[in-house]
């Protein structure tokens, strides 16, 4: 079942103390998604966590974001990548 990119993320993630400079990789409905902190929509959807992380790191290097936060399937933070300042 494909998930539309326009689907609104849960209130919990949209208002999670947003700095506006973080990308998150989370699972949703069996897929892995990347979204910008504070945004209401996902940026992209991937079938595996590995692909989502690889592409998230590429996005991190080519955007004004400074952190990629990787979440476990339960939603807790597993790891993060931060750009050197």
N, C-alpha and C. Protein backbone atom coordinates (compact mmCIF):
# COMPACT_ATOMS: atom_id res chain seq x y z
N UNK A 1 0.84 -1.18 0.00
CA UNK A 1 0.00 0.00 0.00
C UNK A 1 0.88 1.25 0.00
N UNK A 2 0.82 2.02 -1.04
CA UNK A 2 1.64 3.23 -1.16
C UNK A 2 1.07 4.34 -0.28
N UNK A 3 1.98 5.12 0.27
CA UNK A 3 1.59 6.22 1.13
C UNK A 3 1.82 7.52 0.37
N UNK A 4 0.83 8.38 0.37
CA UNK A 4 0.96 9.64 -0.33
C UNK A 4 1.90 10.58 0.41
N UNK A 5 2.75 11.29 -0.33
CA UNK A 5 3.65 12.26 0.29
C UNK A 5 2.88 13.39 0.95
N UNK A 6 1.68 13.62 0.50
CA UNK A 6 0.90 14.73 1.03
C UNK A 6 0.23 14.40 2.35
N UNK A 7 0.34 13.14 2.78
CA UNK A 7 -0.28 12.76 4.03
C UNK A 7 0.36 13.53 5.19
N UNK A 8 -0.45 14.08 6.02
CA UNK A 8 0.03 14.89 7.14
C UNK A 8 0.64 14.00 8.21
N UNK A 9 1.80 14.41 8.74
CA UNK A 9 2.44 13.69 9.82
C UNK A 9 1.69 13.93 11.12
N UNK A 10 1.91 13.06 12.07
CA UNK A 10 1.21 13.18 13.34
C UNK A 10 1.61 14.45 14.07
N UNK A 11 0.73 14.95 14.89
CA UNK A 11 0.94 16.15 15.68
C UNK A 11 2.19 16.02 16.55
N UNK A 12 2.45 14.81 17.04
CA UNK A 12 3.60 14.53 17.91
C UNK A 12 4.91 14.92 17.22
N UNK A 13 5.07 14.61 15.95
CA UNK A 13 6.30 14.90 15.25
C UNK A 13 6.34 16.33 14.72
N UNK A 14 5.21 16.90 14.35
CA UNK A 14 5.20 18.25 13.82
C UNK A 14 5.59 19.28 14.87
N UNK A 15 5.25 19.02 16.12
CA UNK A 15 5.51 20.00 17.18
C UNK A 15 6.50 19.49 18.21
N UNK A 16 7.54 18.83 17.78
CA UNK A 16 8.51 18.22 18.70
C UNK A 16 9.68 19.15 18.99
N UNK A 17 9.41 20.36 19.44
CA UNK A 17 10.49 21.29 19.75
C UNK A 17 11.33 21.61 18.54
N UNK A 18 10.68 21.99 17.49
CA UNK A 18 11.34 22.16 16.19
C UNK A 18 12.37 23.28 16.17
N UNK A 19 13.53 22.95 15.63
CA UNK A 19 14.54 23.97 15.36
C UNK A 19 14.51 24.30 13.87
N UNK A 20 13.82 23.46 13.09
CA UNK A 20 13.73 23.66 11.66
C UNK A 20 14.98 23.29 10.90
N UNK A 21 15.98 22.72 11.56
CA UNK A 21 17.25 22.39 10.93
C UNK A 21 17.52 20.89 10.94
N UNK A 22 16.52 20.07 11.24
CA UNK A 22 16.73 18.63 11.34
C UNK A 22 15.87 17.88 10.33
N UNK A 23 16.46 16.81 9.79
CA UNK A 23 15.73 15.83 8.99
C UNK A 23 15.55 14.60 9.87
N UNK A 24 14.42 13.94 9.75
CA UNK A 24 14.15 12.74 10.53
C UNK A 24 13.86 11.57 9.61
N UNK A 25 14.35 10.38 9.98
CA UNK A 25 14.02 9.12 9.30
C UNK A 25 13.20 8.31 10.28
N UNK A 26 11.94 8.06 9.92
CA UNK A 26 11.04 7.29 10.79
C UNK A 26 10.28 6.27 9.95
N UNK A 27 9.71 5.28 10.64
CA UNK A 27 8.90 4.30 9.94
C UNK A 27 7.44 4.74 10.01
N UNK A 28 6.74 4.49 8.90
CA UNK A 28 5.31 4.79 8.87
C UNK A 28 4.63 3.84 7.90
N UNK A 29 3.71 3.08 8.41
CA UNK A 29 2.91 2.14 7.62
C UNK A 29 3.78 1.20 6.79
N UNK A 30 4.84 0.68 7.41
CA UNK A 30 5.69 -0.31 6.75
C UNK A 30 6.81 0.25 5.89
N UNK A 31 6.79 1.55 5.61
CA UNK A 31 7.84 2.19 4.83
C UNK A 31 8.66 3.09 5.75
N UNK A 32 9.78 3.56 5.24
CA UNK A 32 10.61 4.52 5.96
C UNK A 32 10.51 5.85 5.25
N UNK A 33 10.26 6.92 6.01
CA UNK A 33 10.07 8.24 5.42
C UNK A 33 11.08 9.23 5.99
N UNK A 34 11.37 10.24 5.20
CA UNK A 34 12.21 11.35 5.63
C UNK A 34 11.33 12.59 5.65
N UNK A 35 11.42 13.34 6.76
CA UNK A 35 10.70 14.60 6.80
C UNK A 35 11.53 15.67 7.49
N UNK A 36 11.26 16.89 7.14
CA UNK A 36 11.93 18.04 7.74
C UNK A 36 11.17 18.38 9.01
N UNK A 37 11.91 18.56 10.08
CA UNK A 37 11.30 18.87 11.37
C UNK A 37 10.43 20.12 11.26
N UNK A 38 9.22 20.02 11.78
CA UNK A 38 8.29 21.14 11.74
C UNK A 38 7.39 21.16 10.52
N UNK A 39 7.71 20.35 9.51
CA UNK A 39 6.90 20.31 8.29
C UNK A 39 5.74 19.34 8.47
N UNK A 40 4.69 19.54 7.74
CA UNK A 40 3.54 18.68 7.83
C UNK A 40 3.52 17.52 6.85
N UNK A 41 4.47 17.52 5.93
CA UNK A 41 4.51 16.47 4.89
C UNK A 41 5.87 15.82 4.83
N UNK A 42 5.86 14.58 4.36
CA UNK A 42 7.14 13.87 4.21
C UNK A 42 7.83 14.33 2.93
N UNK A 43 9.16 14.24 2.93
CA UNK A 43 9.95 14.62 1.76
C UNK A 43 10.03 13.44 0.79
N UNK A 44 10.30 12.25 1.34
CA UNK A 44 10.41 11.07 0.49
C UNK A 44 10.12 9.80 1.27
N UNK A 45 9.82 8.73 0.52
CA UNK A 45 9.42 7.45 1.09
C UNK A 45 10.33 6.36 0.52
N UNK A 46 10.78 5.43 1.37
CA UNK A 46 11.68 4.36 0.96
C UNK A 46 11.20 3.02 1.52
N UNK A 47 11.47 1.93 0.81
CA UNK A 47 11.04 0.61 1.29
C UNK A 47 11.90 0.08 2.44
N UNK A 48 13.15 0.56 2.55
CA UNK A 48 14.03 0.07 3.62
C UNK A 48 14.64 1.23 4.39
N UNK A 49 15.01 0.95 5.62
CA UNK A 49 15.64 1.94 6.47
C UNK A 49 17.00 2.34 5.91
N UNK A 50 17.74 1.37 5.41
CA UNK A 50 19.07 1.63 4.86
C UNK A 50 19.01 2.65 3.72
N UNK A 51 18.07 2.48 2.79
CA UNK A 51 17.93 3.41 1.68
C UNK A 51 17.53 4.80 2.17
N UNK A 52 16.67 4.83 3.16
CA UNK A 52 16.24 6.12 3.72
C UNK A 52 17.41 6.86 4.36
N UNK A 53 18.25 6.14 5.09
CA UNK A 53 19.41 6.76 5.74
C UNK A 53 20.41 7.26 4.71
N UNK A 54 20.71 6.44 3.70
CA UNK A 54 21.65 6.85 2.66
C UNK A 54 21.17 8.12 1.94
N UNK A 55 19.92 8.15 1.58
CA UNK A 55 19.39 9.32 0.89
C UNK A 55 19.22 10.51 1.84
N UNK A 56 18.93 10.24 3.10
CA UNK A 56 18.86 11.31 4.08
C UNK A 56 20.20 12.00 4.27
N UNK A 57 21.28 11.21 4.26
CA UNK A 57 22.62 11.80 4.39
C UNK A 57 22.97 12.64 3.17
N UNK A 58 22.53 12.20 1.99
CA UNK A 58 22.74 13.01 0.78
C UNK A 58 21.98 14.33 0.87
N UNK A 59 20.73 14.25 1.34
CA UNK A 59 19.92 15.46 1.50
C UNK A 59 20.55 16.41 2.52
N UNK A 60 21.08 15.85 3.58
CA UNK A 60 21.71 16.64 4.64
C UNK A 60 22.88 17.43 4.08
N UNK A 61 23.68 16.80 3.24
CA UNK A 61 24.86 17.47 2.67
C UNK A 61 24.50 18.51 1.61
N UNK A 62 23.33 18.42 1.03
CA UNK A 62 22.97 19.33 -0.05
C UNK A 62 21.85 20.30 0.34
N UNK A 63 21.66 20.53 1.63
CA UNK A 63 20.59 21.42 2.07
C UNK A 63 21.07 22.29 3.22
N UNK A 64 20.18 23.10 3.76
CA UNK A 64 20.53 23.95 4.89
C UNK A 64 20.28 23.25 6.23
N UNK A 65 20.01 21.96 6.19
CA UNK A 65 19.80 21.18 7.41
C UNK A 65 21.15 20.88 8.06
N UNK A 66 21.16 20.66 9.38
CA UNK A 66 22.43 20.37 10.04
C UNK A 66 22.45 19.03 10.78
N UNK A 67 21.29 18.35 10.88
CA UNK A 67 21.24 17.08 11.61
C UNK A 67 20.27 16.12 10.95
N UNK A 68 20.65 14.85 10.87
CA UNK A 68 19.76 13.77 10.42
C UNK A 68 19.53 12.87 11.62
N UNK A 69 18.29 12.79 12.07
CA UNK A 69 17.93 11.98 13.23
C UNK A 69 17.32 10.67 12.75
N UNK A 70 17.91 9.54 13.18
CA UNK A 70 17.42 8.21 12.81
C UNK A 70 16.61 7.66 13.97
N UNK A 71 15.39 7.22 13.69
CA UNK A 71 14.52 6.66 14.72
C UNK A 71 14.41 5.15 14.59
N UNK A 72 14.16 4.49 15.72
CA UNK A 72 13.88 3.06 15.73
C UNK A 72 12.43 2.86 15.32
N UNK A 73 12.01 1.62 15.15
CA UNK A 73 10.63 1.35 14.76
C UNK A 73 9.63 1.79 15.83
N UNK A 74 10.07 1.87 17.10
CA UNK A 74 9.17 2.32 18.17
C UNK A 74 9.10 3.84 18.29
N UNK A 75 9.87 4.56 17.47
CA UNK A 75 9.84 6.01 17.46
C UNK A 75 10.95 6.67 18.28
N UNK A 76 11.63 5.90 19.10
CA UNK A 76 12.72 6.49 19.90
C UNK A 76 13.93 6.73 19.00
N UNK A 77 14.82 7.62 19.44
CA UNK A 77 15.99 7.97 18.65
C UNK A 77 17.04 6.87 18.76
N UNK A 78 17.51 6.42 17.61
CA UNK A 78 18.54 5.39 17.56
C UNK A 78 19.92 6.00 17.38
N UNK A 79 20.03 6.99 16.49
CA UNK A 79 21.31 7.58 16.15
C UNK A 79 21.06 8.91 15.46
N UNK A 80 22.12 9.69 15.27
CA UNK A 80 21.98 10.90 14.49
C UNK A 80 23.32 11.25 13.85
N UNK A 81 23.24 11.95 12.75
CA UNK A 81 24.41 12.44 12.03
C UNK A 81 24.32 13.97 12.04
N UNK A 82 25.42 14.60 12.40
CA UNK A 82 25.44 16.05 12.47
C UNK A 82 26.58 16.58 11.61
N UNK A 83 26.29 17.63 10.86
CA UNK A 83 27.34 18.25 10.04
C UNK A 83 28.28 19.02 10.94
N UNK A 84 29.56 18.98 10.63
CA UNK A 84 30.55 19.75 11.38
C UNK A 84 30.36 21.22 11.06
N UNK A 85 30.45 22.03 12.08
CA UNK A 85 30.23 23.49 11.86
C UNK A 85 31.52 24.23 11.78
